[in-house]
Each structure stands twice: as C-alpha cells, then as structure tokens.
Amino acid sequence: DQMVRILKEPDNALIKQFQALFEMDGIALEFEDSALEAIAQKAIDKGVGARGLRGIIEEAMLPLQYSCPSKEGLEKCIITKAVIEDPSQEPIYAFKKEKES
C-alpha cells in the first residue's frame, strides 16, 4: 500500500512523470489500481523496494512510448495489470470519435 502511494502521491511521482510525457503527445495516460498494485508487488518480489519502481514501470512503458504517438486519433491509454505483468500485452486504447459531416 505504501509503494502504491509512492507511485502516485508525491509531486514528482513516477506515475505523474509518465502522464506528463504522454500528455506532450496529447494522450491521457491512466493506470488502473490493479496495475499500480502489480508494479508494487513486482518491486517487492524482486526485492528492489521503492528505488526499483522506475525500472519496473519503464519495462512496461517503453514500448508504449514509441507506439502510442503513432496511433492516429489516440486520446487515452489505460494501463492494466496485464500490461505490467507482461509488457507484450496491449493496454486499453480510447480513440477520438470522428466528427460526422
């Protein structure tokens, strides 16, 4: 529980840093609570503690940092527990609705 708080509560929290990165490309980034819990659990399992949280997030997020900006009309990317457990899994994508003419 404390690890999850470290991920999202401080002003310079890791989750906020990744959200800011994606926001530069106009993409809202969200993490499901189960994904945050999976990140914390991985850190505990690996014995890396809070210092290892960045590496665990980067492992899952790196492929998305390259693929998401090239997805036409992508508005939101939602990180699930499955993405954290297996970075080859796709997150949930939300695309802008096309305007009818």
PDB file of N, CA and C in Angstrom:
ATOM      1  N   ASP A   1       0.828  -1.196   0.000  1.00  0.00           N
ATOM      2  CA  ASP A   1       0.000   0.000   0.000  1.00  0.00           C
ATOM      3  C   ASP A   1       0.870   1.256   0.000  1.00  0.00           C
ATOM      4  N   GLN A   2       1.942   1.228   0.771  1.00  0.00           N
ATOM      5  CA  GLN A   2       2.853   2.371   0.817  1.00  0.00           C
ATOM      6  C   GLN A   2       3.551   2.552  -0.531  1.00  0.00           C
ATOM      7  N   MET A   3       3.886   1.448  -1.188  1.00  0.00           N
ATOM      8  CA  MET A   3       4.537   1.530  -2.503  1.00  0.00           C
ATOM      9  C   MET A   3       3.601   2.173  -3.520  1.00  0.00           C
ATOM     10  N   VAL A   4       2.328   1.831  -3.487  1.00  0.00           N
ATOM     11  CA  VAL A   4       1.353   2.425  -4.402  1.00  0.00           C
ATOM     12  C   VAL A   4       1.260   3.922  -4.141  1.00  0.00           C
ATOM     13  N   ARG A   5       1.284   4.329  -2.886  1.00  0.00           N
ATOM     14  CA  ARG A   5       1.250   5.753  -2.545  1.00  0.00           C
ATOM     15  C   ARG A   5       2.485   6.463  -3.088  1.00  0.00           C
ATOM     16  N   ILE A   6       3.644   5.821  -3.021  1.00  0.00           N
ATOM     17  CA  ILE A   6       4.879   6.398  -3.553  1.00  0.00           C
ATOM     18  C   ILE A   6       4.754   6.608  -5.058  1.00  0.00           C
ATOM     19  N   LEU A   7       4.061   5.705  -5.724  1.00  0.00           N
ATOM     20  CA  LEU A   7       3.887   5.806  -7.170  1.00  0.00           C
ATOM     21  C   LEU A   7       3.043   7.003  -7.590  1.00  0.00           C
ATOM     22  N   LYS A   8       2.051   7.365  -6.781  1.00  0.00           N
ATOM     23  CA  LYS A   8       1.106   8.364  -7.269  1.00  0.00           C
ATOM     24  C   LYS A   8       0.934   9.628  -6.441  1.00  0.00           C
ATOM     25  N   GLU A   9       1.407   9.668  -5.199  1.00  0.00           N
ATOM     26  CA  GLU A   9       1.097  10.826  -4.359  1.00  0.00           C
ATOM     27  C   GLU A   9       2.098  11.985  -4.379  1.00  0.00           C
ATOM     28  N   PRO A  10       3.407  11.748  -4.354  1.00  0.00           N
ATOM     29  CA  PRO A  10       4.324  12.905  -4.321  1.00  0.00           C
ATOM     30  C   PRO A  10       4.186  13.789  -5.566  1.00  0.00           C
ATOM     31  N   ASP A  11       4.607  15.048  -5.446  1.00  0.00           N
ATOM     32  CA  ASP A  11       4.548  15.966  -6.584  1.00  0.00           C
ATOM     33  C   ASP A  11       5.317  15.432  -7.786  1.00  0.00           C
ATOM     34  N   ASN A  12       6.429  14.761  -7.529  1.00  0.00           N
ATOM     35  CA  ASN A  12       7.253  14.227  -8.617  1.00  0.00           C
ATOM     36  C   ASN A  12       7.055  12.714  -8.771  1.00  0.00           C
ATOM     37  N   ALA A  13       5.867  12.230  -8.465  1.00  0.00           N
ATOM     38  CA  ALA A  13       5.570  10.799  -8.514  1.00  0.00           C
ATOM     39  C   ALA A  13       5.821  10.236  -9.910  1.00  0.00           C
ATOM     40  N   LEU A  14       6.271   8.992  -9.955  1.00  0.00           N
ATOM     41  CA  LEU A  14       6.578   8.343 -11.231  1.00  0.00           C
ATOM     42  C   LEU A  14       5.380   8.330 -12.175  1.00  0.00           C
ATOM     43  N   ILE A  15       4.214   8.035 -11.652  1.00  0.00           N
ATOM     44  CA  ILE A  15       3.013   7.989 -12.486  1.00  0.00           C
ATOM     45  C   ILE A  15       2.766   9.357 -13.117  1.00  0.00           C
ATOM     46  N   LYS A  16       2.914  10.418 -12.351  1.00  0.00           N
ATOM     47  CA  LYS A  16       2.711  11.777 -12.866  1.00  0.00           C
ATOM     48  C   LYS A  16       3.743  12.114 -13.939  1.00  0.00           C
ATOM     49  N   GLN A  17       4.974  11.624 -13.778  1.00  0.00           N
ATOM     50  CA  GLN A  17       6.013  11.876 -14.774  1.00  0.00           C
ATOM     51  C   GLN A  17       5.651  11.232 -16.108  1.00  0.00           C
ATOM     52  N   PHE A  18       5.179   9.988 -16.064  1.00  0.00           N
ATOM     53  CA  PHE A  18       4.794   9.313 -17.302  1.00  0.00           C
ATOM     54  C   PHE A  18       3.545   9.946 -17.906  1.00  0.00           C
ATOM     55  N   GLN A  19       2.618  10.386 -17.072  1.00  0.00           N
ATOM     56  CA  GLN A  19       1.430  11.062 -17.586  1.00  0.00           C
ATOM     57  C   GLN A  19       1.825  12.347 -18.310  1.00  0.00           C
ATOM     58  N   ALA A  20       2.785  13.076 -17.775  1.00  0.00           N
ATOM     59  CA  ALA A  20       3.249  14.311 -18.418  1.00  0.00           C
ATOM     60  C   ALA A  20       3.913  14.013 -19.758  1.00  0.00           C
ATOM     61  N   LEU A  21       4.685  12.936 -19.823  1.00  0.00           N
ATOM     62  CA  LEU A  21       5.323  12.536 -21.082  1.00  0.00           C
ATOM     63  C   LEU A  21       4.281  12.253 -22.158  1.00  0.00           C
ATOM     64  N   PHE A  22       3.266  11.497 -21.812  1.00  0.00           N
ATOM     65  CA  PHE A  22       2.232  11.147 -22.781  1.00  0.00           C
ATOM     66  C   PHE A  22       1.386  12.364 -23.140  1.00  0.00           C
ATOM     67  N   GLU A  23       1.173  13.247 -22.180  1.00  0.00           N
ATOM     68  CA  GLU A  23       0.377  14.446 -22.421  1.00  0.00           C
ATOM     69  C   GLU A  23       1.035  15.332 -23.484  1.00  0.00           C
ATOM     70  N   MET A  24       2.352  15.297 -23.580  1.00  0.00           N
ATOM     71  CA  MET A  24       3.051  16.077 -24.607  1.00  0.00           C
ATOM     72  C   MET A  24       2.633  15.632 -26.006  1.00  0.00           C
ATOM     73  N   ASP A  25       2.172  14.393 -26.142  1.00  0.00           N
ATOM     74  CA  ASP A  25       1.674  13.881 -27.417  1.00  0.00           C
ATOM     75  C   ASP A  25       0.150  13.924 -27.480  1.00  0.00           C
ATOM     76  N   GLY A  26      -0.475  14.594 -26.507  1.00  0.00           N
ATOM     77  CA  GLY A  26      -1.922  14.723 -26.494  1.00  0.00           C
ATOM     78  C   GLY A  26      -2.658  13.465 -26.065  1.00  0.00           C
ATOM     79  N   ILE A  27      -1.975  12.590 -25.338  1.00  0.00           N
ATOM     80  CA  ILE A  27      -2.564  11.323 -24.903  1.00  0.00           C
ATOM     81  C   ILE A  27      -2.698  11.321 -23.382  1.00  0.00           C
ATOM     82  N   ALA A  28      -3.903  11.059 -22.910  1.00  0.00           N
ATOM     83  CA  ALA A  28      -4.132  10.922 -21.467  1.00  0.00           C
ATOM     84  C   ALA A  28      -3.708   9.513 -21.060  1.00  0.00           C
ATOM     85  N   LEU A  29      -2.890   9.418 -20.045  1.00  0.00           N
ATOM     86  CA  LEU A  29      -2.408   8.127 -19.563  1.00  0.00           C
ATOM     87  C   LEU A  29      -3.031   7.849 -18.208  1.00  0.00           C
ATOM     88  N   GLU A  30      -3.644   6.677 -18.094  1.00  0.00           N
ATOM     89  CA  GLU A  30      -4.252   6.278 -16.827  1.00  0.00           C
ATOM     90  C   GLU A  30      -3.715   4.914 -16.420  1.00  0.00           C
ATOM     91  N   PHE A  31      -3.630   4.703 -15.132  1.00  0.00           N
ATOM     92  CA  PHE A  31      -3.227   3.410 -14.581  1.00  0.00           C
ATOM     93  C   PHE A  31      -4.375   2.881 -13.739  1.00  0.00           C
ATOM     94  N   GLU A  32      -4.825   1.658 -14.026  1.00  0.00           N
ATOM     95  CA  GLU A  32      -5.825   1.037 -13.165  1.00  0.00           C
ATOM     96  C   GLU A  32      -5.178   0.760 -11.813  1.00  0.00           C
ATOM     97  N   ASP A  33      -5.980   0.763 -10.749  1.00  0.00           N
ATOM     98  CA  ASP A  33      -5.451   0.473  -9.416  1.00  0.00           C
ATOM     99  C   ASP A  33      -4.750  -0.880  -9.378  1.00  0.00           C
ATOM    100  N   SER A  34      -5.295  -1.856 -10.106  1.00  0.00           N
ATOM    101  CA  SER A  34      -4.678  -3.189 -10.124  1.00  0.00           C
ATOM    102  C   SER A  34      -3.298  -3.154 -10.776  1.00  0.00           C
ATOM    103  N   ALA A  35      -3.092  -2.239 -11.733  1.00  0.00           N
ATOM    104  CA  ALA A  35      -1.781  -2.092 -12.364  1.00  0.00           C
ATOM    105  C   ALA A  35      -0.774  -1.519 -11.368  1.00  0.00           C
ATOM    106  N   LEU A  36      -1.201  -0.525 -10.596  1.00  0.00           N
ATOM    107  CA  LEU A  36      -0.319   0.064  -9.583  1.00  0.00           C
ATOM    108  C   LEU A  36       0.054  -0.974  -8.530  1.00  0.00           C
ATOM    109  N   GLU A  37      -0.919  -1.785  -8.147  1.00  0.00           N
ATOM    110  CA  GLU A  37      -0.646  -2.846  -7.173  1.00  0.00           C
ATOM    111  C   GLU A  37       0.322  -3.877  -7.747  1.00  0.00           C
ATOM    112  N   ALA A  38       0.195  -4.171  -9.045  1.00  0.00           N
ATOM    113  CA  ALA A  38       1.099  -5.128  -9.691  1.00  0.00           C
ATOM    114  C   ALA A  38       2.526  -4.581  -9.747  1.00  0.00           C
ATOM    115  N   ILE A  39       2.673  -3.271  -9.992  1.00  0.00           N
ATOM    116  CA  ILE A  39       4.000  -2.642 -10.002  1.00  0.00           C
ATOM    117  C   ILE A  39       4.631  -2.775  -8.621  1.00  0.00           C
ATOM    118  N   ALA A  40       3.866  -2.439  -7.596  1.00  0.00           N
ATOM    119  CA  ALA A  40       4.364  -2.528  -6.219  1.00  0.00           C
ATOM    120  C   ALA A  40       4.735  -3.967  -5.865  1.00  0.00           C
ATOM    121  N   GLN A  41       3.906  -4.918  -6.265  1.00  0.00           N
ATOM    122  CA  GLN A  41       4.174  -6.322  -5.954  1.00  0.00           C
ATOM    123  C   GLN A  41       5.433  -6.813  -6.658  1.00  0.00           C
ATOM    124  N   LYS A  42       5.644  -6.385  -7.910  1.00  0.00           N
ATOM    125  CA  LYS A  42       6.864  -6.768  -8.634  1.00  0.00           C
ATOM    126  C   LYS A  42       8.101  -6.252  -7.906  1.00  0.00           C
ATOM    127  N   ALA A  43       8.029  -5.019  -7.409  1.00  0.00           N
ATOM    128  CA  ALA A  43       9.162  -4.439  -6.682  1.00  0.00           C
ATOM    129  C   ALA A  43       9.445  -5.237  -5.415  1.00  0.00           C
ATOM    130  N   ILE A  44       8.391  -5.641  -4.728  1.00  0.00           N
ATOM    131  CA  ILE A  44       8.554  -6.442  -3.508  1.00  0.00           C
ATOM    132  C   ILE A  44       9.136  -7.811  -3.856  1.00  0.00           C
ATOM    133  N   ASP A  45       8.583  -8.451  -4.896  1.00  0.00           N
ATOM    134  CA  ASP A  45       9.049  -9.781  -5.301  1.00  0.00           C
ATOM    135  C   ASP A  45      10.519  -9.774  -5.720  1.00  0.00           C
ATOM    136  N   LYS A  46      10.934  -8.699  -6.402  1.00  0.00           N
ATOM    137  CA  LYS A  46      12.324  -8.591  -6.857  1.00  0.00           C
ATOM    138  C   LYS A  46      13.252  -8.111  -5.751  1.00  0.00           C
ATOM    139  N   GLY A  47      12.668  -7.661  -4.647  1.00  0.00           N
ATOM    140  CA  GLY A  47      13.470  -7.177  -3.534  1.00  0.00           C
ATOM    141  C   GLY A  47      14.155  -5.853  -3.805  1.00  0.00           C
ATOM    142  N   VAL A  48      13.578  -5.057  -4.713  1.00  0.00           N
ATOM    143  CA  VAL A  48      14.210  -3.788  -5.081  1.00  0.00           C
ATOM    144  C   VAL A  48      13.612  -2.590  -4.347  1.00  0.00           C
ATOM    145  N   GLY A  49      12.492  -2.784  -3.687  1.00  0.00           N
ATOM    146  CA  GLY A  49      11.884  -1.703  -2.929  1.00  0.00           C
ATOM    147  C   GLY A  49      11.472  -0.529  -3.794  1.00  0.00           C
ATOM    148  N   ALA A  50      11.283   0.612  -3.155  1.00  0.00           N
ATOM    149  CA  ALA A  50      10.797   1.805  -3.846  1.00  0.00           C
ATOM    150  C   ALA A  50      11.767   2.285  -4.922  1.00  0.00           C
ATOM    151  N   ARG A  51      13.046   2.067  -4.717  1.00  0.00           N
ATOM    152  CA  ARG A  51      14.038   2.514  -5.706  1.00  0.00           C
ATOM    153  C   ARG A  51      13.908   1.772  -7.034  1.00  0.00           C
ATOM    154  N   GLY A  52      13.338   0.596  -7.009  1.00  0.00           N
ATOM    155  CA  GLY A  52      13.196  -0.196  -8.225  1.00  0.00           C
ATOM    156  C   GLY A  52      11.910   0.044  -8.988  1.00  0.00           C
ATOM    157  N   LEU A  53      11.047   0.897  -8.458  1.00  0.00           N
ATOM    158  CA  LEU A  53       9.757   1.135  -9.104  1.00  0.00           C
ATOM    159  C   LEU A  53       9.914   1.697 -10.516  1.00  0.00           C
ATOM    160  N   ARG A  54      10.840   2.639 -10.700  1.00  0.00           N
ATOM    161  CA  ARG A  54      11.036   3.250 -12.022  1.00  0.00           C
ATOM    162  C   ARG A  54      11.370   2.201 -13.078  1.00  0.00           C
ATOM    163  N   GLY A  55      12.277   1.304 -12.763  1.00  0.00           N
ATOM    164  CA  GLY A  55      12.663   0.278 -13.727  1.00  0.00           C
ATOM    165  C   GLY A  55      11.506  -0.618 -14.111  1.00  0.00           C
ATOM    166  N   ILE A  56      10.673  -0.945 -13.152  1.00  0.00           N
ATOM    167  CA  ILE A  56       9.518  -1.803 -13.420  1.00  0.00           C
ATOM    168  C   ILE A  56       8.518  -1.082 -14.325  1.00  0.00           C
ATOM    169  N   ILE A  57       8.271   0.186 -14.050  1.00  0.00           N
ATOM    170  CA  ILE A  57       7.349   0.953 -14.894  1.00  0.00           C
ATOM    171  C   ILE A  57       7.937   1.124 -16.291  1.00  0.00           C
ATOM    172  N   GLU A  58       9.219   1.452 -16.368  1.00  0.00           N
ATOM    173  CA  GLU A  58       9.848   1.661 -17.672  1.00  0.00           C
ATOM    174  C   GLU A  58       9.791   0.410 -18.532  1.00  0.00           C
ATOM    175  N   GLU A  59       9.954  -0.745 -17.926  1.00  0.00           N
ATOM    176  CA  GLU A  59       9.897  -2.004 -18.672  1.00  0.00           C
ATOM    177  C   GLU A  59       8.558  -2.140 -19.402  1.00  0.00           C
ATOM    178  N   ALA A  60       7.490  -1.761 -18.742  1.00  0.00           N
ATOM    179  CA  ALA A  60       6.163  -1.855 -19.349  1.00  0.00           C
ATOM    180  C   ALA A  60       5.875  -0.683 -20.288  1.00  0.00           C
ATOM    181  N   MET A  61       6.379   0.499 -19.954  1.00  0.00           N
ATOM    182  CA  MET A  61       6.006   1.708 -20.680  1.00  0.00           C
ATOM    183  C   MET A  61       6.854   1.995 -21.913  1.00  0.00           C
ATOM    184  N   LEU A  62       8.082   1.513 -21.945  1.00  0.00           N
ATOM    185  CA  LEU A  62       8.972   1.846 -23.059  1.00  0.00           C
ATOM    186  C   LEU A  62       8.371   1.519 -24.424  1.00  0.00           C
ATOM    187  N   PRO A  63       7.846   0.309 -24.628  1.00  0.00           N
ATOM    188  CA  PRO A  63       7.255   0.041 -25.944  1.00  0.00           C
ATOM    189  C   PRO A  63       6.097   0.989 -26.273  1.00  0.00           C
ATOM    190  N   LEU A  64       5.329   1.363 -25.263  1.00  0.00           N
ATOM    191  CA  LEU A  64       4.173   2.234 -25.484  1.00  0.00           C
ATOM    192  C   LEU A  64       4.589   3.665 -25.783  1.00  0.00           C
ATOM    193  N   GLN A  65       5.724   4.092 -25.239  1.00  0.00           N
ATOM    194  CA  GLN A  65       6.211   5.442 -25.510  1.00  0.00           C
ATOM    195  C   GLN A  65       6.505   5.615 -26.993  1.00  0.00           C
ATOM    196  N   TYR A  66       6.843   4.533 -27.670  1.00  0.00           N
ATOM    197  CA  TYR A  66       7.125   4.605 -29.102  1.00  0.00           C
ATOM    198  C   TYR A  66       5.887   4.337 -29.943  1.00  0.00           C
ATOM    199  N   SER A  67       5.035   3.421 -29.513  1.00  0.00           N
ATOM    200  CA  SER A  67       3.889   3.035 -30.341  1.00  0.00           C
ATOM    201  C   SER A  67       2.691   3.977 -30.211  1.00  0.00           C
ATOM    202  N   CYS A  68       2.434   4.500 -29.040  1.00  0.00           N
ATOM    203  CA  CYS A  68       1.231   5.322 -28.831  1.00  0.00           C
ATOM    204  C   CYS A  68       1.193   6.599 -29.671  1.00  0.00           C
ATOM    205  N   PRO A  69       2.273   7.380 -29.741  1.00  0.00           N
ATOM    206  CA  PRO A  69       2.188   8.623 -30.516  1.00  0.00           C
ATOM    207  C   PRO A  69       1.867   8.407 -31.998  1.00  0.00           C
ATOM    208  N   SER A  70       2.154   7.224 -32.528  1.00  0.00           N
ATOM    209  CA  SER A  70       1.893   6.971 -33.944  1.00  0.00           C
ATOM    210  C   SER A  70       0.483   6.435 -34.207  1.00  0.00           C
ATOM    211  N   LYS A  71      -0.299   6.229 -33.164  1.00  0.00           N
ATOM    212  CA  LYS A  71      -1.671   5.732 -33.335  1.00  0.00           C
ATOM    213  C   LYS A  71      -2.602   6.917 -33.608  1.00  0.00           C
ATOM    214  N   GLU A  72      -3.123   6.970 -34.806  1.00  0.00           N
ATOM    215  CA  GLU A  72      -3.984   8.063 -35.252  1.00  0.00           C
ATOM    216  C   GLU A  72      -5.220   8.208 -34.367  1.00  0.00           C
ATOM    217  N   GLY A  73      -5.429   9.394 -33.819  1.00  0.00           N
ATOM    218  CA  GLY A  73      -6.631   9.684 -33.047  1.00  0.00           C
ATOM    219  C   GLY A  73      -6.642   9.129 -31.631  1.00  0.00           C
ATOM    220  N   LEU A  74      -5.494   8.641 -31.163  1.00  0.00           N
ATOM    221  CA  LEU A  74      -5.448   8.085 -29.807  1.00  0.00           C
ATOM    222  C   LEU A  74      -5.633   9.205 -28.789  1.00  0.00           C
ATOM    223  N   GLU A  75      -6.597   9.011 -27.916  1.00  0.00           N
ATOM    224  CA  GLU A  75      -6.927  10.028 -26.924  1.00  0.00           C
ATOM    225  C   GLU A  75      -6.495   9.609 -25.521  1.00  0.00           C
ATOM    226  N   LYS A  76      -6.604   8.289 -25.245  1.00  0.00           N
ATOM    227  CA  LYS A  76      -6.319   7.806 -23.900  1.00  0.00           C
ATOM    228  C   LYS A  76      -5.713   6.407 -23.973  1.00  0.00           C
ATOM    229  N   CYS A  77      -4.770   6.165 -23.070  1.00  0.00           N
ATOM    230  CA  CYS A  77      -4.128   4.861 -22.937  1.00  0.00           C
ATOM    231  C   CYS A  77      -4.279   4.447 -21.473  1.00  0.00           C
ATOM    232  N   ILE A  78      -4.905   3.289 -21.248  1.00  0.00           N
ATOM    233  CA  ILE A  78      -5.151   2.825 -19.883  1.00  0.00           C
ATOM    234  C   ILE A  78      -4.296   1.592 -19.617  1.00  0.00           C
ATOM    235  N   ILE A  79      -3.418   1.718 -18.636  1.00  0.00           N
ATOM    236  CA  ILE A  79      -2.511   0.629 -18.282  1.00  0.00           C
ATOM    237  C   ILE A  79      -3.215  -0.307 -17.306  1.00  0.00           C
ATOM    238  N   THR A  80      -3.243  -1.576 -17.676  1.00  0.00           N
ATOM    239  CA  THR A  80      -3.896  -2.596 -16.854  1.00  0.00           C
ATOM    240  C   THR A  80      -2.846  -3.458 -16.155  1.00  0.00           C
ATOM    241  N   LYS A  81      -3.304  -4.280 -15.252  1.00  0.00           N
ATOM    242  CA  LYS A  81      -2.430  -5.224 -14.559  1.00  0.00           C
ATOM    243  C   LYS A  81      -1.734  -6.144 -15.564  1.00  0.00           C
ATOM    244  N   ALA A  82      -2.450  -6.556 -16.609  1.00  0.00           N
ATOM    245  CA  ALA A  82      -1.887  -7.457 -17.621  1.00  0.00           C
ATOM    246  C   ALA A  82      -0.671  -6.839 -18.311  1.00  0.00           C
ATOM    247  N   VAL A  83      -0.711  -5.531 -18.565  1.00  0.00           N
ATOM    248  CA  VAL A  83       0.412  -4.844 -19.222  1.00  0.00           C
ATOM    249  C   VAL A  83       1.647  -4.863 -18.321  1.00  0.00           C
ATOM    250  N   ILE A  84       1.448  -4.685 -17.031  1.00  0.00           N
ATOM    251  CA  ILE A  84       2.568  -4.685 -16.087  1.00  0.00           C
ATOM    252  C   ILE A  84       3.155  -6.088 -15.963  1.00  0.00           C
ATOM    253  N   GLU A  85       2.300  -7.086 -15.920  1.00  0.00           N
ATOM    254  CA  GLU A  85       2.770  -8.462 -15.772  1.00  0.00           C
ATOM    255  C   GLU A  85       3.425  -8.986 -17.040  1.00  0.00           C
ATOM    256  N   ASP A  86       2.979  -8.509 -18.204  1.00  0.00           N
ATOM    257  CA  ASP A  86       3.527  -8.951 -19.488  1.00  0.00           C
ATOM    258  C   ASP A  86       3.506  -7.769 -20.451  1.00  0.00           C
ATOM    259  N   PRO A  87       4.648  -7.062 -20.597  1.00  0.00           N
ATOM    260  CA  PRO A  87       4.681  -5.858 -21.435  1.00  0.00           C
ATOM    261  C   PRO A  87       4.312  -6.074 -22.905  1.00  0.00           C
ATOM    262  N   SER A  88       4.206  -7.330 -23.350  1.00  0.00           N
ATOM    263  CA  SER A  88       3.768  -7.560 -24.729  1.00  0.00           C
ATOM    264  C   SER A  88       2.246  -7.438 -24.857  1.00  0.00           C
ATOM    265  N   GLN A  89       1.548  -7.355 -23.730  1.00  0.00           N
ATOM    266  CA  GLN A  89       0.088  -7.181 -23.742  1.00  0.00           C
ATOM    267  C   GLN A  89      -0.256  -5.740 -24.123  1.00  0.00           C
ATOM    268  N   GLU A  90      -1.376  -5.580 -24.790  1.00  0.00           N
ATOM    269  CA  GLU A  90      -1.829  -4.249 -25.191  1.00  0.00           C
ATOM    270  C   GLU A  90      -2.616  -3.593 -24.050  1.00  0.00           C
ATOM    271  N   PRO A  91      -2.433  -2.295 -23.856  1.00  0.00           N
ATOM    272  CA  PRO A  91      -3.277  -1.577 -22.891  1.00  0.00           C
ATOM    273  C   PRO A  91      -4.660  -1.353 -23.502  1.00  0.00           C
ATOM    274  N   ILE A  92      -5.513  -0.684 -22.780  1.00  0.00           N
ATOM    275  CA  ILE A  92      -6.820  -0.304 -23.319  1.00  0.00           C
ATOM    276  C   ILE A  92      -6.640   1.052 -23.999  1.00  0.00           C
ATOM    277  N   TYR A  93      -7.054   1.134 -25.254  1.00  0.00           N
ATOM    278  CA  TYR A  93      -6.941   2.381 -26.005  1.00  0.00           C
ATOM    279  C   TYR A  93      -8.315   3.015 -26.176  1.00  0.00           C
ATOM    280  N   ALA A  94      -8.365   4.332 -26.094  1.00  0.00           N
ATOM    281  CA  ALA A  94      -9.586   5.083 -26.395  1.00  0.00           C
ATOM    282  C   ALA A  94      -9.231   6.091 -27.483  1.00  0.00           C
ATOM    283  N   PHE A  95      -9.981   6.042 -28.563  1.00  0.00           N
ATOM    284  CA  PHE A  95      -9.721   6.916 -29.700  1.00  0.00           C
ATOM    285  C   PHE A  95     -10.783   8.004 -29.797  1.00  0.00           C
ATOM    286  N   LYS A  96     -10.382   9.132 -30.385  1.00  0.00           N
ATOM    287  CA  LYS A  96     -11.316  10.237 -30.595  1.00  0.00           C
ATOM    288  C   LYS A  96     -12.383   9.779 -31.576  1.00  0.00           C
ATOM    289  N   LYS A  97     -13.616  10.169 -31.303  1.00  0.00           N
ATOM    290  CA  LYS A  97     -14.702   9.853 -32.229  1.00  0.00           C
ATOM    291  C   LYS A  97     -14.600  10.795 -33.419  1.00  0.00           C
ATOM    292  N   GLU A  98     -14.790  10.226 -34.599  1.00  0.00           N
ATOM    293  CA  GLU A  98     -14.755  11.061 -35.799  1.00  0.00           C
ATOM    294  C   GLU A  98     -16.025  11.891 -35.865  1.00  0.00           C
ATOM    295  N   LYS A  99     -15.847  13.142 -36.245  1.00  0.00           N
ATOM    296  CA  LYS A  99     -16.992  14.041 -36.364  1.00  0.00           C
ATOM    297  C   LYS A  99     -17.759  13.708 -37.641  1.00  0.00           C
ATOM    298  N   GLU A 100     -19.080  13.685 -37.510  1.00  0.00           N
ATOM    299  CA  GLU A 100     -19.906  13.440 -38.692  1.00  0.00           C
ATOM    300  C   GLU A 100     -20.101  14.756 -39.424  1.00  0.00           C
ATOM    301  N   SER A 101     -20.097  14.684 -40.776  1.00  0.00           N
ATOM    302  CA  SER A 101     -20.260  15.920 -41.539  1.00  0.00           C
ATOM    303  C   SER A 101     -21.660  16.085 -42.049  1.00  0.00           C
TER     304      SER A 101
END
